[in-house]
N, C-alpha and C. Protein backbone atom coordinates (compact mmCIF):
# COMPACT_ATOMS: atom_id res chain seq x y z
N MET A 1 75.58 86.94 15.66
CA MET A 1 74.10 87.09 15.59
C MET A 1 73.64 87.07 14.15
N PHE A 2 74.28 88.05 13.32
CA PHE A 2 73.94 87.92 11.96
C PHE A 2 75.23 87.53 11.19
N PRO A 3 75.09 86.54 10.24
CA PRO A 3 76.48 86.06 9.60
C PRO A 3 76.92 87.19 8.69
N GLY A 4 78.28 87.47 8.87
CA GLY A 4 78.79 88.49 7.91
C GLY A 4 78.85 89.97 8.57
N VAL A 5 78.14 90.23 9.68
CA VAL A 5 77.97 91.36 10.20
C VAL A 5 78.96 91.41 11.56
N ASN A 6 79.49 92.71 11.47
CA ASN A 6 80.47 92.89 12.65
C ASN A 6 79.55 93.28 13.91
N PRO A 7 79.90 92.57 14.89
CA PRO A 7 78.93 92.59 16.21
C PRO A 7 79.00 94.17 16.56
N LYS A 8 80.26 94.70 16.51
CA LYS A 8 80.47 96.00 17.17
C LYS A 8 79.61 97.15 16.36
N GLN A 9 79.58 97.05 14.92
CA GLN A 9 78.86 97.85 14.17
C GLN A 9 77.49 97.59 14.30
N LEU A 10 77.03 96.16 14.65
CA LEU A 10 75.44 96.05 14.81
C LEU A 10 75.26 96.78 16.23
N GLN A 11 76.12 96.71 17.32
CA GLN A 11 75.72 97.33 18.43
C GLN A 11 75.66 98.72 18.22
N GLN A 12 76.50 99.40 17.52
CA GLN A 12 76.37 100.81 17.25
C GLN A 12 75.10 101.31 16.31
N ALA A 13 74.69 100.43 15.60
CA ALA A 13 73.54 100.72 14.81
C ALA A 13 72.37 100.68 15.65
N MET A 14 72.27 99.61 16.48
CA MET A 14 71.08 99.43 17.34
C MET A 14 71.05 100.66 18.33
N LYS A 15 72.18 101.07 18.67
CA LYS A 15 72.25 102.18 19.66
C LYS A 15 71.73 103.67 19.10
N ARG A 16 72.11 103.82 17.85
CA ARG A 16 71.71 104.94 17.08
C ARG A 16 70.05 104.75 17.07
N MET A 17 69.48 103.70 16.88
CA MET A 17 68.05 103.48 16.69
C MET A 17 67.35 103.37 18.23
N GLY A 18 68.09 103.69 19.17
CA GLY A 18 67.57 103.80 20.39
C GLY A 18 67.23 102.42 21.18
N ILE A 19 67.87 101.31 20.69
CA ILE A 19 67.82 100.05 21.24
C ILE A 19 69.05 99.69 22.09
N ASN A 20 68.86 99.34 23.26
CA ASN A 20 69.99 99.15 24.29
C ASN A 20 69.86 97.62 24.68
N GLN A 21 71.00 96.95 24.74
CA GLN A 21 70.90 95.59 25.13
C GLN A 21 71.94 95.33 26.39
N GLN A 22 71.43 94.64 27.35
CA GLN A 22 72.31 94.33 28.45
C GLN A 22 72.25 92.65 28.80
N GLU A 23 73.28 92.03 29.00
CA GLU A 23 73.24 90.79 29.18
C GLU A 23 72.98 90.62 30.71
N ILE A 24 72.01 89.57 31.01
CA ILE A 24 71.72 89.47 32.60
C ILE A 24 72.42 88.05 32.92
N HIS A 25 73.21 87.86 33.92
CA HIS A 25 73.89 86.73 34.18
C HIS A 25 73.10 85.99 35.04
N ALA A 26 72.27 84.95 34.52
CA ALA A 26 71.20 84.32 35.33
C ALA A 26 71.71 82.74 35.42
N THR A 27 71.40 82.10 36.65
CA THR A 27 71.74 80.68 36.75
C THR A 27 70.56 79.84 36.01
N GLU A 28 69.28 80.31 36.31
CA GLU A 28 68.25 79.65 35.98
C GLU A 28 67.07 80.45 35.81
N VAL A 29 66.11 80.01 35.00
CA VAL A 29 64.87 80.81 34.70
C VAL A 29 63.64 79.90 34.72
N ILE A 30 62.49 80.38 35.62
CA ILE A 30 61.56 79.67 35.81
C ILE A 30 60.21 80.45 35.42
N ILE A 31 59.44 79.93 34.46
CA ILE A 31 58.32 80.54 34.01
C ILE A 31 57.19 79.70 34.54
N LYS A 32 56.43 80.20 35.48
CA LYS A 32 55.25 79.48 35.96
C LYS A 32 53.96 79.85 35.49
N THR A 33 53.20 78.79 34.92
CA THR A 33 51.89 78.99 34.45
C THR A 33 50.90 78.47 35.48
N LYS A 34 49.64 78.37 35.16
CA LYS A 34 48.50 77.87 36.11
C LYS A 34 48.88 76.52 36.49
N ASP A 35 49.33 75.56 35.53
CA ASP A 35 49.40 74.18 35.92
C ASP A 35 50.76 73.64 35.59
N SER A 36 51.53 74.41 35.13
CA SER A 36 53.03 73.90 34.83
C SER A 36 54.08 75.01 34.98
N GLU A 37 55.34 74.52 34.89
CA GLU A 37 56.55 75.42 34.97
C GLU A 37 57.38 75.05 33.90
N ILE A 38 57.82 76.19 33.32
CA ILE A 38 59.12 75.99 32.13
C ILE A 38 60.30 76.26 32.81
N TYR A 39 61.12 75.41 32.92
CA TYR A 39 62.52 75.56 33.76
C TYR A 39 63.57 75.62 32.61
N ILE A 40 64.51 76.66 32.82
CA ILE A 40 65.70 76.77 31.87
C ILE A 40 66.76 76.89 32.74
N GLN A 41 67.74 75.97 32.77
CA GLN A 41 68.97 75.95 33.54
C GLN A 41 69.88 76.32 32.74
N ASN A 42 71.01 77.32 33.07
CA ASN A 42 72.13 77.88 32.44
C ASN A 42 71.73 78.61 31.41
N PRO A 43 70.58 79.42 31.43
CA PRO A 43 70.22 80.27 30.34
C PRO A 43 71.06 81.40 29.89
N GLU A 44 70.94 81.86 28.75
CA GLU A 44 71.54 83.07 28.12
C GLU A 44 70.19 84.20 28.30
N VAL A 45 70.42 85.17 28.94
CA VAL A 45 69.30 86.06 29.05
C VAL A 45 69.79 87.40 28.72
N LEU A 46 69.14 88.01 27.72
CA LEU A 46 69.45 89.24 27.22
C LEU A 46 68.18 90.39 27.40
N LYS A 47 68.41 91.48 28.04
CA LYS A 47 67.52 92.46 28.40
C LYS A 47 67.56 93.54 27.26
N VAL A 48 66.46 93.61 26.47
CA VAL A 48 66.34 94.71 25.29
C VAL A 48 65.41 95.76 25.78
N SER A 49 66.01 96.88 25.71
CA SER A 49 65.19 98.22 25.95
C SER A 49 65.02 98.95 24.73
N MET A 50 63.82 99.27 24.34
CA MET A 50 63.50 100.10 23.13
C MET A 50 62.21 100.68 23.43
N GLY A 51 62.19 101.86 22.90
CA GLY A 51 60.95 102.75 22.97
C GLY A 51 60.31 102.77 24.42
N GLY A 52 61.13 102.84 25.52
CA GLY A 52 60.52 102.93 26.72
C GLY A 52 60.19 101.53 27.16
N GLN A 53 60.18 100.55 26.61
CA GLN A 53 59.78 99.13 26.85
C GLN A 53 60.95 98.25 27.07
N ASP A 54 60.95 97.27 28.16
CA ASP A 54 61.79 96.27 28.11
C ASP A 54 61.29 94.95 27.95
N SER A 55 62.09 94.24 27.30
CA SER A 55 61.76 92.89 26.93
C SER A 55 63.00 91.88 27.21
N LEU A 56 62.73 90.73 27.45
CA LEU A 56 63.74 89.56 27.65
C LEU A 56 63.87 88.70 26.70
N GLN A 57 65.03 88.12 26.21
CA GLN A 57 65.23 87.18 25.26
C GLN A 57 66.01 86.03 26.15
N ILE A 58 65.39 84.82 26.13
CA ILE A 58 65.82 83.78 26.99
C ILE A 58 66.19 82.67 25.89
N THR A 59 67.45 82.22 26.03
CA THR A 59 67.69 80.93 25.29
C THR A 59 68.23 79.92 26.08
N GLY A 60 68.11 78.65 25.81
CA GLY A 60 68.78 77.58 26.68
C GLY A 60 67.93 76.44 26.46
N LYS A 61 68.20 75.36 27.11
CA LYS A 61 67.36 74.03 27.13
C LYS A 61 66.23 74.12 28.02
N MET A 62 64.94 74.01 27.56
CA MET A 62 63.80 74.07 28.47
C MET A 62 63.36 72.74 28.89
N GLU A 63 62.83 72.72 30.11
CA GLU A 63 62.17 71.59 30.68
C GLU A 63 60.80 71.95 31.10
N HIS A 64 59.79 71.19 30.68
CA HIS A 64 58.46 71.57 31.16
C HIS A 64 58.05 70.47 32.12
N ARG A 65 57.65 71.20 33.27
CA ARG A 65 57.30 70.27 34.42
C ARG A 65 55.77 70.70 34.83
N LEU A 66 54.93 69.56 34.99
CA LEU A 66 53.60 69.84 35.40
C LEU A 66 53.58 70.02 36.96
N LEU A 67 52.67 70.95 37.37
CA LEU A 67 52.60 71.14 38.85
C LEU A 67 51.60 70.22 39.39
N LYS A 68 51.71 69.92 40.61
CA LYS A 68 50.80 69.14 41.29
C LYS A 68 49.62 70.10 41.80
N ASN A 69 48.51 69.49 41.82
CA ASN A 69 47.28 70.33 42.19
C ASN A 69 46.87 69.94 43.59
N TYR A 70 47.65 69.23 44.39
CA TYR A 70 47.44 68.66 45.57
C TYR A 70 48.61 68.54 46.64
N THR A 71 48.48 68.35 47.88
CA THR A 71 49.58 68.21 48.80
C THR A 71 49.57 66.90 49.41
N GLY A 72 50.53 66.75 50.29
CA GLY A 72 50.66 65.34 50.96
C GLY A 72 49.55 65.17 51.81
N GLU A 73 49.07 66.24 52.48
CA GLU A 73 47.95 66.08 53.30
C GLU A 73 46.73 65.76 52.55
N ASP A 74 46.41 66.14 51.41
CA ASP A 74 45.43 65.90 50.60
C ASP A 74 45.42 64.46 50.38
N VAL A 75 46.52 63.82 50.05
CA VAL A 75 46.62 62.49 49.66
C VAL A 75 46.32 61.67 51.01
N LYS A 76 46.77 62.05 51.88
CA LYS A 76 46.32 61.34 53.41
C LYS A 76 44.80 61.50 53.58
N THR A 77 44.27 62.56 53.31
CA THR A 77 42.69 62.73 53.59
C THR A 77 42.12 61.92 52.62
N VAL A 78 42.44 61.71 51.34
CA VAL A 78 41.63 60.88 50.58
C VAL A 78 41.92 59.43 50.86
N MET A 79 43.10 58.98 51.31
CA MET A 79 43.29 57.63 51.92
C MET A 79 42.47 57.18 52.83
N SER A 80 42.36 58.13 53.90
CA SER A 80 41.78 57.79 55.16
C SER A 80 40.06 57.83 54.84
N GLN A 81 39.64 58.61 54.12
CA GLN A 81 38.09 58.82 53.69
C GLN A 81 37.63 57.75 52.83
N ALA A 82 38.37 57.41 51.69
CA ALA A 82 38.02 56.54 50.81
C ALA A 82 38.67 54.96 51.11
N LYS A 83 39.54 54.92 52.04
CA LYS A 83 40.15 53.81 52.65
C LYS A 83 40.93 53.06 51.50
N CYS A 84 41.68 53.70 50.92
CA CYS A 84 42.53 53.19 49.76
C CYS A 84 43.91 53.41 49.86
N SER A 85 44.76 52.77 48.90
CA SER A 85 46.15 52.91 48.93
C SER A 85 46.58 54.36 48.45
N GLU A 86 47.94 54.59 48.72
CA GLU A 86 48.50 55.96 48.39
C GLU A 86 48.36 56.21 46.94
N GLU A 87 48.72 55.08 46.15
CA GLU A 87 48.74 55.08 44.60
C GLU A 87 47.28 55.55 44.21
N LYS A 88 46.28 54.80 44.69
CA LYS A 88 44.97 55.12 44.24
C LYS A 88 44.63 56.59 44.65
N ALA A 89 44.99 57.00 45.75
CA ALA A 89 44.52 58.36 46.20
C ALA A 89 45.26 59.45 45.35
N ILE A 90 46.59 59.06 45.06
CA ILE A 90 47.34 60.02 44.11
C ILE A 90 46.63 60.04 42.80
N GLY A 91 46.37 58.86 42.12
CA GLY A 91 45.63 58.84 40.76
C GLY A 91 44.28 59.58 40.79
N ALA A 92 43.59 59.33 41.94
CA ALA A 92 42.24 60.20 41.90
C ALA A 92 42.50 61.63 42.02
N LEU A 93 43.43 62.11 42.78
CA LEU A 93 43.56 63.49 42.96
C LEU A 93 44.21 64.19 41.61
N GLU A 94 44.92 63.41 40.72
CA GLU A 94 45.35 63.76 39.50
C GLU A 94 44.22 63.80 38.66
N LYS A 95 43.44 62.92 38.58
CA LYS A 95 42.24 62.79 37.61
C LYS A 95 41.24 63.98 37.94
N SER A 96 41.14 64.16 39.31
CA SER A 96 40.10 65.40 39.64
C SER A 96 40.56 66.72 39.76
N ASN A 97 41.98 66.81 39.32
CA ASN A 97 42.80 68.15 39.26
C ASN A 97 42.84 68.60 40.75
N GLY A 98 43.16 67.90 41.71
CA GLY A 98 43.37 68.28 43.23
C GLY A 98 41.95 68.58 43.78
N ASP A 99 40.79 68.22 43.46
CA ASP A 99 39.64 68.34 43.87
C ASP A 99 39.33 67.18 44.82
N LEU A 100 39.39 67.50 46.23
CA LEU A 100 39.39 66.47 47.26
C LEU A 100 38.20 65.75 47.30
N ALA A 101 36.89 66.39 47.17
CA ALA A 101 35.77 65.76 47.08
C ALA A 101 35.40 64.80 45.96
N GLU A 102 35.77 65.35 45.00
CA GLU A 102 35.74 64.58 43.61
C GLU A 102 36.55 63.27 43.69
N ALA A 103 37.76 63.57 44.15
CA ALA A 103 38.61 62.30 44.27
C ALA A 103 38.17 61.26 45.30
N ILE A 104 37.47 61.57 46.35
CA ILE A 104 36.95 60.62 47.25
C ILE A 104 35.84 60.12 46.78
N LEU A 105 35.01 60.67 46.21
CA LEU A 105 33.80 60.22 45.65
C LEU A 105 34.07 59.28 44.46
N SER A 106 35.11 59.50 43.84
CA SER A 106 35.38 58.69 42.57
C SER A 106 35.89 57.21 43.07
N LEU A 107 36.45 57.26 44.18
CA LEU A 107 36.95 56.00 44.83
C LEU A 107 35.88 55.21 45.56
N GLU A 108 34.89 55.88 45.98
CA GLU A 108 33.95 55.33 46.86
C GLU A 108 32.89 54.70 45.99
N ILE A 109 32.71 54.76 44.70
CA ILE A 109 31.84 54.44 43.76
C ILE A 109 32.25 53.02 43.32
């Protein structure tokens, strides 16, 4: 953790300060936001308890994934209403952030 510092001594010092650490054996971590996910596979997760509060420290390789704001049914609806291909329907839904009416109208113009 710190170069030149004995890990056992560091643990003892932290314990004296009321800081407890616990390793959590996780296989993956997914953090969901409104329009995306942060995916961490094979993470190292450390739970730190201090002053009555818990926090997590997560390290690992992150992958950012955008979430779709539409379903397969939405694509079919746009295709049938706007009489267009699946590719055009998906493009319109992505541009409209999943708004069916806006996607259909953008293709009919």
